[in-house]
Amino acid sequence: MMAKEKPIYYVSDREASYPARLRSYTGMPAGLYVRGTLPGDEPTVAIVGARACSVYGARQAARFGRELARNGVTVISGLAEGIDAEAQLGALSAGGRSFGVLGCGVDICYPCSSRVLYDKLPLKGGLLSEYEPGSPPVRWHFPVRNRLISALADIVLVIEARQRSGSLITVDYALEQGKTVFALPGRVGDALSEGCHALIAQGAGIALSPQAVLDELETIRQCRGAAFSAGQPALPVHHAAFIAGQPATAVARPALAAPQPTLAGSPGDVRRSAASFSKMKDPADEKMTRDMAPTPLTTYRNGPAQDYLSPEAVTLKTALSDEPMSLDALAEKAHLEGRAARGAMSELMLLGEAAELFPQMFALAERES
């Protein structure tokens, strides 16, 4: 394949070519494995959404990707089947650039359905990953890599998402990073639009057209320029005050919820806790869960926990027992910070190692005999 002509190389955070956007946040990787190029200082939009999307969602993803690319905007996504792939292919069809952030090594095409995109991206953008070549697409890699998708973008656009969609993990990171979030409206009562409508209800920008996103990008550019001219430090990507579709000085409607140090939140809060991530069990997400494991999960779980869990998840698992405990209590017991504990609990629950027995009360999951 043509993509194999592009060598894999490593860029550390000490090198000038390391993406400047990532330098603005803590918890970013010390380096990236790359095939192709890396995003520069051009405007960027991350487009994420359902894997099992509708025809409407696929068409809109391609439309937004295409129109944004025609206006010089780079599209960031995760190469996943469905919305991700349609948006990135749309950008490439318009002659634009796109970057795929992988949850495995850049030498592995995952999912296989994205082979055409995988081969094209190194020629018109790039593939990047914090995981070294040969790393398989282990389940817990995907929620973690989503922080890079949002960090590399000026705006995060969600096109079709169920209420417990994995796309909302990216939104969660975007809010923590102070990014603007847009959502595509759909039909009332449509399960694939429930997540987007919830975001809009909480203050996300309404993506009625690509122009709405382009207008917001212009607002961001002007605010950055004003800060630079005033001798103030440039904001990382987009300050929380720059609410979707409004200049920073004219915020009137409520902002998306700011990150909190605990999992607590109102029932209608746009943010999603680690407990919520584990409940992605609707029919459209079942295929995603199965496809994320290149090797049967039982194969990983036959060995020591450190062979299939991240270090934080291993630590948090030692704090779990058959007695349900709050995440705050577990984090304190495991000596983990709140954000690290949330990510570790997400991983444990996605892998079936932990269970939420009561609202926001967690215990060891029952193992199959």
Protein backbone atom coordinates (compact mmCIF):
# COMPACT_ATOMS: atom_id res chain seq x y z
CA MET A 1 0.00 0.00 0.00
CA MET A 2 1.08 3.55 -0.62
CA ALA A 3 0.98 4.41 3.07
CA LYS A 4 3.82 1.96 3.69
CA GLU A 5 6.09 4.26 1.71
CA LYS A 6 5.83 6.77 4.55
CA PRO A 7 8.25 5.78 7.32
CA ILE A 8 7.33 5.81 10.98
CA TYR A 9 9.24 8.29 13.10
CA TYR A 10 9.14 9.51 16.68
CA VAL A 11 8.75 13.12 17.80
CA SER A 12 9.47 13.92 21.44
CA ASP A 13 7.96 16.85 23.30
CA ARG A 14 11.43 18.43 23.33
CA GLU A 15 11.39 18.86 19.57
CA ALA A 16 10.02 21.94 17.83
CA SER A 17 7.77 19.81 15.61
CA TYR A 18 5.84 18.46 18.60
CA PRO A 19 2.29 19.88 18.31
CA ALA A 20 2.13 23.20 20.15
CA ARG A 21 -1.49 22.57 21.15
CA LEU A 22 -0.45 19.57 23.24
CA ARG A 23 2.10 21.61 25.17
CA SER A 24 -0.72 23.62 26.72
CA TYR A 25 -2.06 20.72 28.79
CA THR A 26 -0.83 18.36 31.45
CA GLY A 27 -1.02 14.62 30.93
CA MET A 28 0.08 14.75 27.30
CA PRO A 29 2.46 12.07 25.96
CA ALA A 30 6.21 12.60 26.08
CA GLY A 31 6.31 11.86 22.38
CA LEU A 32 4.33 10.67 19.38
CA TYR A 33 4.88 8.01 16.76
CA VAL A 34 3.99 9.47 13.39
CA ARG A 35 3.39 8.35 9.84
CA GLY A 36 3.05 11.34 7.57
CA THR A 37 3.14 14.80 9.15
CA LEU A 38 1.82 16.50 12.28
CA PRO A 39 -0.79 19.27 12.61
CA GLY A 40 0.61 22.79 12.57
CA ASP A 41 -0.99 26.05 13.64
CA GLU A 42 -3.81 25.91 11.08
CA PRO A 43 -7.43 25.90 12.33
CA THR A 44 -8.56 22.43 13.34
CA VAL A 45 -11.88 20.76 14.10
CA ALA A 46 -12.32 17.33 15.63
CA ILE A 47 -15.36 15.48 14.25
CA VAL A 48 -16.53 12.49 16.26
CA GLY A 49 -19.69 10.46 16.50
CA ALA A 50 -21.41 7.11 16.26
CA ARG A 51 -19.82 4.15 14.59
CA ALA A 52 -23.18 2.66 13.68
CA CYS A 53 -24.40 5.95 12.25
CA SER A 54 -27.44 6.66 10.10
CA VAL A 55 -27.38 7.66 6.43
CA TYR A 56 -28.18 11.20 7.59
CA GLY A 57 -25.23 11.19 9.99
CA ALA A 58 -22.83 9.83 7.40
CA ARG A 59 -23.87 12.43 4.84
CA GLN A 60 -23.58 15.27 7.33
CA ALA A 61 -20.16 14.08 8.52
CA ALA A 62 -18.89 14.01 4.94
CA ARG A 63 -20.48 17.39 4.26
CA PHE A 64 -18.93 19.09 7.28
CA GLY A 65 -15.56 17.48 6.63
CA ARG A 66 -15.63 18.56 2.99
CA GLU A 67 -16.78 22.15 3.59
CA LEU A 68 -14.39 22.73 6.45
CA ALA A 69 -11.50 21.42 4.36
CA ARG A 70 -12.45 23.70 1.48
CA ASN A 71 -12.03 26.59 3.89
CA GLY A 72 -8.57 25.54 5.03
CA VAL A 73 -9.62 23.71 8.19
CA THR A 74 -7.87 20.49 9.16
CA VAL A 75 -10.10 17.65 10.38
CA ILE A 76 -8.99 15.58 13.38
CA SER A 77 -10.60 12.26 14.25
CA GLY A 78 -9.98 8.68 15.28
CA LEU A 79 -10.29 6.70 12.02
CA ALA A 80 -13.25 4.78 13.47
CA GLU A 81 -15.95 3.33 11.28
CA GLY A 82 -18.94 5.60 10.82
CA ILE A 83 -18.85 9.34 11.55
CA ASP A 84 -15.07 9.55 12.06
CA ALA A 85 -14.22 7.91 8.76
CA GLU A 86 -16.90 9.75 6.77
CA ALA A 87 -15.72 13.14 8.04
CA GLN A 88 -12.08 12.39 7.29
CA LEU A 89 -12.84 11.02 3.83
CA GLY A 90 -14.92 14.13 3.17
CA ALA A 91 -11.98 16.34 4.07
CA LEU A 92 -9.62 14.41 1.80
CA SER A 93 -12.13 14.48 -1.08
CA ALA A 94 -11.98 18.30 -0.96
CA GLY A 95 -8.19 18.28 -1.13
CA GLY A 96 -7.84 19.13 2.54
CA ARG A 97 -5.77 17.67 5.34
CA SER A 98 -6.82 15.27 8.06
CA PHE A 99 -5.11 13.49 10.94
CA GLY A 100 -6.03 10.21 12.55
CA VAL A 101 -5.23 9.65 16.23
CA LEU A 102 -4.96 5.91 16.82
CA GLY A 103 -5.48 3.74 19.87
CA CYS A 104 -2.83 1.33 18.63
CA GLY A 105 0.54 1.50 16.88
CA VAL A 106 0.61 3.53 13.66
CA ASP A 107 1.72 0.40 11.84
CA ILE A 108 -1.65 -1.23 12.51
CA CYS A 109 -4.78 -0.41 10.52
CA TYR A 110 -7.68 -0.45 12.95
CA PRO A 111 -10.47 -0.92 12.20
CA CYS A 112 -9.87 -2.85 8.99
CA SER A 113 -12.86 -1.11 7.40
CA SER A 114 -10.81 2.11 7.37
CA ARG A 115 -8.04 0.69 5.18
CA VAL A 116 -8.54 3.21 2.36
CA LEU A 117 -8.43 6.09 4.83
CA TYR A 118 -5.44 4.58 6.63
CA ASP A 119 -3.52 4.47 3.35
CA LYS A 120 -4.47 8.00 2.28
CA LEU A 121 -3.93 9.96 5.49
CA PRO A 122 -0.11 9.80 5.55
CA LEU A 123 -0.12 11.45 2.13
CA LYS A 124 -2.57 14.23 3.03
CA GLY A 125 -2.03 14.66 6.74
CA GLY A 126 -0.89 11.94 9.03
CA LEU A 127 -1.43 9.11 11.48
CA LEU A 128 -0.22 9.55 15.03
CA SER A 129 -0.21 7.58 18.24
CA GLU A 130 1.36 7.68 21.68
CA TYR A 131 1.63 3.89 21.53
CA GLU A 132 4.74 2.36 20.01
CA PRO A 133 4.54 0.40 16.74
CA GLY A 134 3.14 -3.07 17.21
CA SER A 135 0.86 -2.04 20.10
CA PRO A 136 -2.54 -3.73 19.63
CA PRO A 137 -5.82 -1.81 19.90
CA VAL A 138 -6.47 -2.70 23.54
CA ARG A 139 -9.81 -1.41 24.80
CA TRP A 140 -8.53 1.04 27.37
CA HIS A 141 -6.36 2.77 24.77
CA PHE A 142 -9.40 4.34 23.12
CA PRO A 143 -10.86 6.44 25.95
CA VAL A 144 -7.32 7.60 26.73
CA ARG A 145 -6.44 8.59 23.16
CA ASN A 146 -9.57 10.74 22.98
CA ARG A 147 -7.81 13.40 25.05
CA LEU A 148 -5.40 13.88 22.13
CA ILE A 149 -8.22 14.24 19.61
CA SER A 150 -9.77 17.06 21.61
CA ALA A 151 -6.42 18.66 22.51
CA LEU A 152 -5.40 18.91 18.85
CA ALA A 153 -8.65 20.64 17.90
CA ASP A 154 -9.90 24.20 18.22
CA ILE A 155 -13.49 22.91 18.18
CA VAL A 156 -15.01 19.51 18.84
CA LEU A 157 -18.05 18.69 16.69
CA VAL A 158 -20.26 15.74 17.62
CA ILE A 159 -22.36 14.24 14.83
CA GLU A 160 -24.81 11.60 16.09
CA ALA A 161 -24.25 10.19 19.55
CA ARG A 162 -26.41 8.14 21.81
CA GLN A 163 -26.77 9.21 25.41
CA ARG A 164 -24.07 6.79 26.50
CA SER A 165 -21.90 7.11 23.43
CA GLY A 166 -18.13 6.85 23.59
CA SER A 167 -18.01 10.17 21.73
CA LEU A 168 -18.99 11.87 24.97
CA ILE A 169 -15.65 10.81 26.43
CA THR A 170 -14.05 13.15 23.89
CA VAL A 171 -16.50 15.87 24.94
CA ASP A 172 -15.51 15.32 28.57
CA TYR A 173 -11.85 15.90 27.71
CA ALA A 174 -12.75 18.88 25.53
CA LEU A 175 -14.54 20.56 28.42
CA GLU A 176 -11.61 19.97 30.73
CA GLN A 177 -9.36 21.57 28.12
CA GLY A 178 -11.64 24.59 27.71
CA LYS A 179 -12.69 23.83 24.15
CA THR A 180 -15.82 24.84 22.29
CA VAL A 181 -18.21 21.97 21.63
CA PHE A 182 -20.71 21.88 18.77
CA ALA A 183 -23.38 19.24 18.18
CA LEU A 184 -25.44 18.38 15.12
CA PRO A 185 -29.18 18.39 15.82
CA GLY A 186 -31.31 15.49 14.67
CA ARG A 187 -34.88 14.27 14.91
CA VAL A 188 -36.60 14.38 18.28
CA GLY A 189 -36.92 10.84 19.60
CA ASP A 190 -34.10 9.50 17.46
CA ALA A 191 -31.74 7.51 19.71
CA LEU A 192 -28.72 8.52 17.63
CA SER A 193 -29.48 12.19 18.34
CA GLU A 194 -30.11 11.94 22.08
CA GLY A 195 -26.49 12.63 23.00
CA CYS A 196 -26.26 15.62 20.67
CA HIS A 197 -29.53 17.08 21.93
CA ALA A 198 -28.33 16.72 25.52
CA LEU A 199 -25.17 18.63 24.63
CA ILE A 200 -27.16 21.40 22.98
CA ALA A 201 -29.43 21.64 26.02
CA GLN A 202 -26.34 22.19 28.16
CA GLY A 203 -25.04 25.03 25.99
CA ALA A 204 -23.14 23.43 23.11
CA GLY A 205 -23.14 25.26 19.80
CA ILE A 206 -25.78 24.12 17.30
CA ALA A 207 -24.12 22.93 14.10
CA LEU A 208 -26.86 23.96 11.69
CA SER A 209 -24.28 24.32 8.92
CA PRO A 210 -20.52 24.23 8.38
CA GLN A 211 -20.63 28.03 8.32
CA ALA A 212 -21.61 28.10 12.01
CA VAL A 213 -18.39 26.25 12.83
CA LEU A 214 -16.35 28.48 10.52
CA ASP A 215 -17.78 31.59 12.19
CA GLU A 216 -16.73 30.27 15.60
CA LEU A 217 -13.23 29.56 14.31
CA GLU A 218 -13.02 33.18 13.19
CA THR A 219 -14.06 34.30 16.68
CA ILE A 220 -11.31 32.16 18.15
CA ARG A 221 -8.76 33.62 15.71
CA GLN A 222 -9.74 37.18 16.57
CA CYS A 223 -9.58 36.54 20.31
CA ARG A 224 -6.16 34.98 19.97
CA GLY A 225 -4.97 37.91 17.91
CA ALA A 226 -6.29 40.40 20.45
CA ALA A 227 -4.53 38.57 23.28
CA PHE A 228 -1.29 38.51 21.31
CA SER A 229 -1.50 42.22 20.44
CA ALA A 230 -2.09 43.08 24.10
CA GLY A 231 1.02 41.19 25.09
CA GLN A 232 -0.97 38.57 26.96
CA PRO A 233 -0.12 34.88 26.71
CA ALA A 234 -2.02 33.13 23.99
CA LEU A 235 -4.81 30.94 25.28
CA PRO A 236 -4.14 27.21 24.79
CA VAL A 237 -6.76 26.71 22.12
CA HIS A 238 -10.04 28.14 23.19
CA HIS A 239 -10.86 29.77 26.52
CA ALA A 240 -13.92 28.48 28.35
CA ALA A 241 -15.44 31.96 28.07
CA PHE A 242 -15.60 31.68 24.30
CA ILE A 243 -18.96 29.98 24.30
CA ALA A 244 -19.99 28.46 20.98
CA GLY A 245 -21.05 31.12 18.53
CA GLN A 246 -20.44 34.11 20.81
CA PRO A 247 -17.44 36.38 21.38
CA ALA A 248 -15.82 36.21 24.79
CA THR A 249 -17.14 39.63 25.75
CA ALA A 250 -20.77 38.83 25.02
CA VAL A 251 -21.45 35.58 26.81
CA ALA A 252 -25.12 35.55 27.72
CA ARG A 253 -26.23 31.92 27.69
CA PRO A 254 -24.95 29.35 30.19
CA ALA A 255 -21.60 27.77 29.45
CA LEU A 256 -20.99 24.07 29.29
CA ALA A 257 -20.22 22.76 32.73
CA ALA A 258 -16.70 23.40 33.94
CA PRO A 259 -14.74 20.33 35.06
CA GLN A 260 -15.16 19.34 38.68
CA PRO A 261 -12.66 17.43 40.81
CA THR A 262 -15.15 14.65 41.55
CA LEU A 263 -17.50 12.45 39.57
CA ALA A 264 -20.55 14.21 40.97
CA GLY A 265 -22.87 16.01 38.61
CA SER A 266 -26.51 16.75 38.07
CA PRO A 267 -28.52 14.13 36.14
CA GLY A 268 -28.67 16.42 33.12
CA ASP A 269 -25.02 17.43 33.21
CA VAL A 270 -23.29 17.17 29.84
CA ARG A 271 -20.19 15.69 31.44
CA ARG A 272 -19.97 11.94 31.64
CA SER A 273 -18.50 10.09 34.58
CA ALA A 274 -16.40 6.96 34.37
CA ALA A 275 -19.45 5.08 35.60
CA SER A 276 -21.41 6.33 32.62
CA PHE A 277 -18.74 5.21 30.16
CA SER A 278 -19.14 1.64 31.33
CA LYS A 279 -22.82 1.61 30.43
CA MET A 280 -22.33 1.82 26.67
CA LYS A 281 -24.43 -1.28 26.19
CA ASP A 282 -27.01 -0.21 23.64
CA PRO A 283 -27.10 -2.28 20.42
CA ALA A 284 -25.08 0.20 18.35
CA ASP A 285 -22.22 0.14 20.84
CA GLU A 286 -22.05 -3.63 21.26
CA LYS A 287 -20.25 -3.99 17.92
CA MET A 288 -17.79 -1.27 18.94
CA THR A 289 -17.02 -3.09 22.19
CA ARG A 290 -16.42 -6.37 20.39
CA ASP A 291 -14.31 -4.81 17.64
CA MET A 292 -12.01 -3.04 20.08
CA ALA A 293 -10.45 -6.33 21.18
CA PRO A 294 -8.14 -7.83 18.52
CA THR A 295 -7.63 -10.75 20.88
CA PRO A 296 -10.46 -12.19 23.00
CA LEU A 297 -10.64 -10.40 26.34
CA THR A 298 -10.34 -13.69 28.20
CA THR A 299 -6.89 -14.11 26.65
CA TYR A 300 -5.69 -10.90 28.30
CA ARG A 301 -7.36 -11.71 31.60
CA ASN A 302 -5.71 -15.13 31.88
CA GLY A 303 -2.43 -13.40 32.72
CA PRO A 304 -1.35 -10.93 35.41
CA ALA A 305 -3.45 -7.75 35.64
CA GLN A 306 -0.51 -5.55 34.63
CA ASP A 307 -0.46 -7.33 31.27
CA TYR A 308 -3.82 -5.92 30.21
CA LEU A 309 -4.43 -2.95 32.52
CA SER A 310 -2.77 0.43 32.75
CA PRO A 311 -0.70 1.08 35.90
CA GLU A 312 -3.41 3.39 37.30
CA ALA A 313 -6.09 0.76 36.74
CA VAL A 314 -3.96 -1.89 38.47
CA THR A 315 -3.56 0.45 41.45
CA LEU A 316 -7.25 1.29 41.63
CA LYS A 317 -8.23 -2.37 41.31
CA THR A 318 -6.26 -3.16 44.47
CA ALA A 319 -8.50 -0.72 46.34
CA LEU A 320 -11.70 -2.40 45.15
CA SER A 321 -13.47 -5.09 47.12
CA ASP A 322 -16.89 -6.75 47.21
CA GLU A 323 -18.14 -3.83 49.31
CA PRO A 324 -19.25 -0.86 47.19
CA MET A 325 -17.32 2.39 47.68
CA SER A 326 -17.48 5.84 46.14
CA LEU A 327 -14.85 6.79 43.60
CA ASP A 328 -13.55 9.53 45.88
CA ALA A 329 -12.98 6.99 48.64
CA LEU A 330 -11.34 4.57 46.23
CA ALA A 331 -9.09 7.29 44.84
CA GLU A 332 -7.98 8.26 48.34
CA LYS A 333 -7.36 4.62 49.26
CA ALA A 334 -5.33 4.07 46.07
CA HIS A 335 -3.49 7.42 46.38
CA LEU A 336 -4.69 8.52 42.92
CA GLU A 337 -5.75 11.99 41.80
CA GLY A 338 -9.37 12.43 40.79
CA ARG A 339 -8.81 12.55 37.04
CA ALA A 340 -6.50 9.53 37.09
CA ALA A 341 -9.03 7.63 39.18
CA ARG A 342 -11.85 8.46 36.76
CA GLY A 343 -9.86 7.20 33.80
CA ALA A 344 -8.80 4.06 35.66
CA MET A 345 -12.38 3.30 36.70
CA SER A 346 -13.51 3.79 33.11
CA GLU A 347 -10.92 1.26 32.02
CA LEU A 348 -11.80 -1.25 34.74
CA MET A 349 -15.48 -1.10 33.91
CA LEU A 350 -14.95 -1.32 30.17
CA LEU A 351 -12.88 -4.45 30.78
CA GLY A 352 -15.39 -5.96 33.16
CA GLU A 353 -13.14 -5.72 36.22
CA ALA A 354 -15.38 -3.32 38.17
CA ALA A 355 -19.11 -2.78 38.48
CA GLU A 356 -21.38 0.04 39.62
CA LEU A 357 -23.65 -1.69 42.13
CA PHE A 358 -25.43 1.53 43.16
CA PRO A 359 -25.30 5.06 41.69
CA GLN A 360 -21.62 6.04 41.77
CA MET A 361 -20.75 3.19 44.14
CA PHE A 362 -18.24 0.69 42.77
CA ALA A 363 -17.05 -2.81 43.61
CA LEU A 364 -15.20 -5.69 42.05
CA ALA A 365 -17.16 -7.26 39.21
CA GLU A 366 -18.20 -10.88 39.45
CA ARG A 367 -15.93 -13.08 37.35
CA GLU A 368 -17.36 -15.75 35.13
CA SER A 369 -16.52 -19.24 36.29
